[in-house]
Each structure stands twice: as C-alpha cells, then as structure tokens.
Amino acid sequence: MAAFRYWLYRLRRERTVVTTVGRSRGSDEVRLVPVEVRQSPARGRLDLRTAGLRVLMPIGTDPRYVAHVAAALRDVATW
C-alpha cells in the first residue's frame, strides 16, 4: 500500500509541474486497471522491461493486464 501511495503522489506532483510549466496533457489521467488476484500454479516470473523500467510479474498474469501496465509505464515515462 505504501508503494502505491508513493507512486500516486509522485505522479500527481509531476503532473502539477507539467501543468504549471504550461504543457497540460489535456484529457490524460491516471487510471486504475481492475485486477483479479489469483494464485498461479507456475513459480516463475515475467520480466517486463519498457521505457527503461522493469516490472516483475508472476507467470500466468493475464496478458491484457500486462499490456495495460506496459502502456501505462510507457505513457508515464514520456512525461
């Protein structure tokens, strides 16, 4: 929970800086993606690297969720 709060506040701060500089992103907003947590039978991890960031996810994670995370990371990294 602390990690989520950290990133939420960090994104809000960065967005405020971008807005005050005059480069408003318009309709871009931080959106949460629904997640269903299930125990995966596989023990490995998926190593997702995009936009210079790395996220480890359990093998068996829904590919749609992985795509949403990758897109969100790419969008945040371009700010």
C-alpha atoms as a PDB file:
ATOM      1  CA  MET A   1       0.000   0.000   0.000  1.00  0.00           C
ATOM      2  CA  ALA A   2       2.842   2.397   0.771  1.00  0.00           C
ATOM      3  CA  ALA A   3       4.364   1.820  -2.675  1.00  0.00           C
ATOM      4  CA  PHE A   4       1.043   2.613  -4.359  1.00  0.00           C
ATOM      5  CA  ARG A   5       0.672   5.809  -2.318  1.00  0.00           C
ATOM      6  CA  TYR A   6       4.253   6.822  -3.179  1.00  0.00           C
ATOM      7  CA  TRP A   7       3.659   6.466  -6.929  1.00  0.00           C
ATOM      8  CA  LEU A   8       0.264   8.149  -6.762  1.00  0.00           C
ATOM      9  CA  TYR A   9       1.712  11.215  -5.018  1.00  0.00           C
ATOM     10  CA  ARG A  10       4.736  11.236  -7.306  1.00  0.00           C
ATOM     11  CA  LEU A  11       2.548  11.186 -10.440  1.00  0.00           C
ATOM     12  CA  ARG A  12       0.372  13.948  -9.016  1.00  0.00           C
ATOM     13  CA  ARG A  13       3.447  16.086  -8.267  1.00  0.00           C
ATOM     14  CA  GLU A  14       4.866  15.522 -11.756  1.00  0.00           C
ATOM     15  CA  ARG A  15       1.533  16.339 -13.332  1.00  0.00           C
ATOM     16  CA  THR A  16       1.362  19.575 -11.330  1.00  0.00           C
ATOM     17  CA  VAL A  17       4.835  20.550 -12.528  1.00  0.00           C
ATOM     18  CA  VAL A  18       3.903  19.826 -16.141  1.00  0.00           C
ATOM     19  CA  THR A  19       0.692  21.836 -15.825  1.00  0.00           C
ATOM     20  CA  THR A  20       2.389  24.840 -14.219  1.00  0.00           C
ATOM     21  CA  VAL A  21       5.003  24.879 -16.974  1.00  0.00           C
ATOM     22  CA  GLY A  22       2.130  25.155 -19.446  1.00  0.00           C
ATOM     23  CA  ARG A  23       2.315  21.745 -21.070  1.00  0.00           C
ATOM     24  CA  SER A  24      -1.063  20.473 -19.929  1.00  0.00           C
ATOM     25  CA  ARG A  25      -1.777  16.915 -21.003  1.00  0.00           C
ATOM     26  CA  GLY A  26      -5.474  17.646 -21.532  1.00  0.00           C
ATOM     27  CA  SER A  27      -7.559  14.530 -21.010  1.00  0.00           C
ATOM     28  CA  ASP A  28      -4.671  12.285 -19.924  1.00  0.00           C
ATOM     29  CA  GLU A  29      -5.401  10.958 -16.475  1.00  0.00           C
ATOM     30  CA  VAL A  30      -4.008   8.314 -14.204  1.00  0.00           C
ATOM     31  CA  ARG A  31      -6.416   5.409 -14.467  1.00  0.00           C
ATOM     32  CA  LEU A  32      -6.569   2.281 -12.364  1.00  0.00           C
ATOM     33  CA  VAL A  33      -6.970  -1.058 -14.110  1.00  0.00           C
ATOM     34  CA  PRO A  34      -9.142  -3.682 -12.381  1.00  0.00           C
ATOM     35  CA  VAL A  35      -7.063  -6.612 -11.190  1.00  0.00           C
ATOM     36  CA  GLU A  36      -8.169 -10.045 -10.078  1.00  0.00           C
ATOM     37  CA  VAL A  37      -5.585 -11.684  -7.830  1.00  0.00           C
ATOM     38  CA  ARG A  38      -5.317 -15.454  -8.180  1.00  0.00           C
ATOM     39  CA  GLN A  39      -2.688 -17.895  -7.118  1.00  0.00           C
ATOM     40  CA  SER A  40      -0.696 -19.030 -10.124  1.00  0.00           C
ATOM     41  CA  PRO A  41       0.408 -22.653 -10.371  1.00  0.00           C
ATOM     42  CA  ALA A  42       3.644 -21.574 -12.075  1.00  0.00           C
ATOM     43  CA  ARG A  43       6.552 -20.395  -9.939  1.00  0.00           C
ATOM     44  CA  GLY A  44       8.443 -18.268 -12.482  1.00  0.00           C
ATOM     45  CA  ARG A  45       8.262 -14.551 -13.075  1.00  0.00           C
ATOM     46  CA  LEU A  46       7.654 -12.471 -16.166  1.00  0.00           C
ATOM     47  CA  ASP A  47      10.289  -9.765 -16.569  1.00  0.00           C
ATOM     48  CA  LEU A  48       8.612  -6.771 -18.249  1.00  0.00           C
ATOM     49  CA  ARG A  49      11.005  -4.034 -19.385  1.00  0.00           C
ATOM     50  CA  THR A  50       9.677  -0.933 -21.079  1.00  0.00           C
ATOM     51  CA  ALA A  51      10.730   2.705 -21.223  1.00  0.00           C
ATOM     52  CA  GLY A  52      13.757   1.982 -19.048  1.00  0.00           C
ATOM     53  CA  LEU A  53      11.612   0.478 -16.287  1.00  0.00           C
ATOM     54  CA  ARG A  54      11.440  -3.109 -15.066  1.00  0.00           C
ATOM     55  CA  VAL A  55       8.426  -4.883 -13.540  1.00  0.00           C
ATOM     56  CA  LEU A  56       8.375  -8.498 -12.383  1.00  0.00           C
ATOM     57  CA  MET A  57       5.035 -10.300 -12.627  1.00  0.00           C
ATOM     58  CA  PRO A  58       4.091 -13.890 -11.877  1.00  0.00           C
ATOM     59  CA  ILE A  59       3.937 -16.249 -14.847  1.00  0.00           C
ATOM     60  CA  GLY A  60       0.288 -16.651 -15.785  1.00  0.00           C
ATOM     61  CA  THR A  61      -0.604 -12.971 -15.356  1.00  0.00           C
ATOM     62  CA  ASP A  62      -3.435 -12.011 -17.698  1.00  0.00           C
ATOM     63  CA  PRO A  63      -1.835 -10.754 -20.934  1.00  0.00           C
ATOM     64  CA  ARG A  64      -4.372  -7.908 -21.153  1.00  0.00           C
ATOM     65  CA  TYR A  65      -3.242  -6.683 -17.738  1.00  0.00           C
ATOM     66  CA  VAL A  66       0.428  -6.903 -18.793  1.00  0.00           C
ATOM     67  CA  ALA A  67      -0.427  -4.853 -21.900  1.00  0.00           C
ATOM     68  CA  HIS A  68      -2.198  -2.209 -19.779  1.00  0.00           C
ATOM     69  CA  VAL A  69       0.764  -1.988 -17.397  1.00  0.00           C
ATOM     70  CA  ALA A  70       3.243  -1.716 -20.277  1.00  0.00           C
ATOM     71  CA  ALA A  71       1.173   1.043 -21.926  1.00  0.00           C
ATOM     72  CA  ALA A  72       0.832   2.944 -18.647  1.00  0.00           C
ATOM     73  CA  LEU A  73       4.562   2.736 -17.970  1.00  0.00           C
ATOM     74  CA  ARG A  74       5.349   3.897 -21.484  1.00  0.00           C
ATOM     75  CA  ASP A  75       2.944   6.853 -21.121  1.00  0.00           C
ATOM     76  CA  VAL A  76       4.332   7.851 -17.714  1.00  0.00           C
ATOM     77  CA  ALA A  77       7.908   7.619 -18.952  1.00  0.00           C
ATOM     78  CA  THR A  78       7.154  10.048 -21.809  1.00  0.00           C
ATOM     79  CA  TRP A  79       6.002  12.792 -19.419  1.00  0.00           C
END
